Amino acid sequence: MSEDHAPKAPLTDRHMLEALICPQTHATLHYDAAAQELISKAAGLAFPIRGGIPILLIDEARPLDA
């Protein structure tokens, strides 16, 4: 199999993600690898990870379903 078809390594480092906190509540964020989001249960928000970069802007977050 050529290098062009080899699986790509994750762009984000789990340890780096675990060190991030919610910009609204300063609570711990939980990494959802399947959805590529950082979840703030305290704020009820999910912050996207785009191109391996966490977007920790409240305006970019989606509300969690109740």
C-alpha atoms as a PDB file:
ATOM      1  CA  MET A   1       0.000   0.000   0.000  1.00  0.00           C
ATOM      2  CA  SER A   2       1.414   3.370  -0.955  1.00  0.00           C
ATOM      3  CA  GLU A   3       1.884   6.221   1.478  1.00  0.00           C
ATOM      4  CA  ASP A   4      -0.932   8.143  -0.234  1.00  0.00           C
ATOM      5  CA  HIS A   5      -3.458   5.578   1.015  1.00  0.00           C
ATOM      6  CA  ALA A   6      -2.032   5.028   4.493  1.00  0.00           C
ATOM      7  CA  PRO A   7      -4.339   6.030   7.355  1.00  0.00           C
ATOM      8  CA  LYS A   8      -3.608   9.486   8.668  1.00  0.00           C
ATOM      9  CA  ALA A   9      -2.669  10.031  12.294  1.00  0.00           C
ATOM     10  CA  PRO A  10      -5.097  12.134  14.324  1.00  0.00           C
ATOM     11  CA  LEU A  11      -4.380  15.816  13.959  1.00  0.00           C
ATOM     12  CA  THR A  12      -5.121  16.558  17.597  1.00  0.00           C
ATOM     13  CA  ASP A  13      -3.191  15.402  20.623  1.00  0.00           C
ATOM     14  CA  ARG A  14      -5.468  13.935  23.304  1.00  0.00           C
ATOM     15  CA  HIS A  15      -3.180  15.214  26.108  1.00  0.00           C
ATOM     16  CA  MET A  16      -3.305  18.737  24.708  1.00  0.00           C
ATOM     17  CA  LEU A  17      -7.096  18.565  24.474  1.00  0.00           C
ATOM     18  CA  GLU A  18      -7.388  17.343  28.056  1.00  0.00           C
ATOM     19  CA  ALA A  19      -5.535  20.472  29.224  1.00  0.00           C
ATOM     20  CA  LEU A  20      -8.077  22.854  27.669  1.00  0.00           C
ATOM     21  CA  ILE A  21     -10.899  24.420  29.663  1.00  0.00           C
ATOM     22  CA  CYS A  22     -14.253  25.910  28.750  1.00  0.00           C
ATOM     23  CA  PRO A  23     -13.926  29.618  27.909  1.00  0.00           C
ATOM     24  CA  GLN A  24     -17.288  30.339  29.570  1.00  0.00           C
ATOM     25  CA  THR A  25     -17.199  28.294  32.794  1.00  0.00           C
ATOM     26  CA  HIS A  26     -13.498  27.372  33.084  1.00  0.00           C
ATOM     27  CA  ALA A  27     -14.617  23.764  33.657  1.00  0.00           C
ATOM     28  CA  THR A  28     -12.922  20.731  32.148  1.00  0.00           C
ATOM     29  CA  LEU A  29     -13.758  19.893  28.538  1.00  0.00           C
ATOM     30  CA  HIS A  30     -14.390  16.314  27.413  1.00  0.00           C
ATOM     31  CA  TYR A  31     -13.084  15.185  24.029  1.00  0.00           C
ATOM     32  CA  ASP A  32     -15.604  13.473  21.731  1.00  0.00           C
ATOM     33  CA  ALA A  33     -13.378  11.868  19.086  1.00  0.00           C
ATOM     34  CA  ALA A  34     -16.274  10.614  16.952  1.00  0.00           C
ATOM     35  CA  ALA A  35     -17.874  14.060  16.671  1.00  0.00           C
ATOM     36  CA  GLN A  36     -14.546  15.970  16.731  1.00  0.00           C
ATOM     37  CA  GLU A  37     -15.853  18.226  19.479  1.00  0.00           C
ATOM     38  CA  LEU A  38     -14.896  19.351  22.950  1.00  0.00           C
ATOM     39  CA  ILE A  39     -17.875  19.098  25.277  1.00  0.00           C
ATOM     40  CA  SER A  40     -18.545  21.462  28.168  1.00  0.00           C
ATOM     41  CA  LYS A  41     -21.247  19.855  30.275  1.00  0.00           C
ATOM     42  CA  ALA A  42     -21.147  22.836  32.663  1.00  0.00           C
ATOM     43  CA  ALA A  43     -21.958  25.316  29.876  1.00  0.00           C
ATOM     44  CA  GLY A  44     -24.082  22.916  27.822  1.00  0.00           C
ATOM     45  CA  LEU A  45     -21.943  23.577  24.747  1.00  0.00           C
ATOM     46  CA  ALA A  46     -19.966  21.565  22.203  1.00  0.00           C
ATOM     47  CA  PHE A  47     -16.939  23.297  20.681  1.00  0.00           C
ATOM     48  CA  PRO A  48     -15.872  22.095  17.216  1.00  0.00           C
ATOM     49  CA  ILE A  49     -12.423  20.867  16.238  1.00  0.00           C
ATOM     50  CA  ARG A  50     -11.680  21.865  12.646  1.00  0.00           C
ATOM     51  CA  GLY A  51      -8.570  20.706  10.856  1.00  0.00           C
ATOM     52  CA  GLY A  52      -7.171  19.559  14.186  1.00  0.00           C
ATOM     53  CA  ILE A  53      -7.647  22.990  15.785  1.00  0.00           C
ATOM     54  CA  PRO A  54     -10.083  23.411  18.695  1.00  0.00           C
ATOM     55  CA  ILE A  55     -12.366  26.399  18.110  1.00  0.00           C
ATOM     56  CA  LEU A  56     -13.052  27.677  21.630  1.00  0.00           C
ATOM     57  CA  LEU A  57     -15.306  30.569  20.651  1.00  0.00           C
ATOM     58  CA  ILE A  58     -18.723  30.639  22.286  1.00  0.00           C
ATOM     59  CA  ASP A  59     -20.267  31.941  19.046  1.00  0.00           C
ATOM     60  CA  GLU A  60     -18.940  28.845  17.210  1.00  0.00           C
ATOM     61  CA  ALA A  61     -20.169  26.325  19.816  1.00  0.00           C
ATOM     62  CA  ARG A  62     -23.392  24.413  19.428  1.00  0.00           C
ATOM     63  CA  PRO A  63     -25.800  23.949  22.315  1.00  0.00           C
ATOM     64  CA  LEU A  64     -26.033  20.422  23.705  1.00  0.00           C
ATOM     65  CA  ASP A  65     -29.438  18.769  23.544  1.00  0.00           C
ATOM     66  CA  ALA A  66     -31.239  18.672  26.878  1.00  0.00           C
END
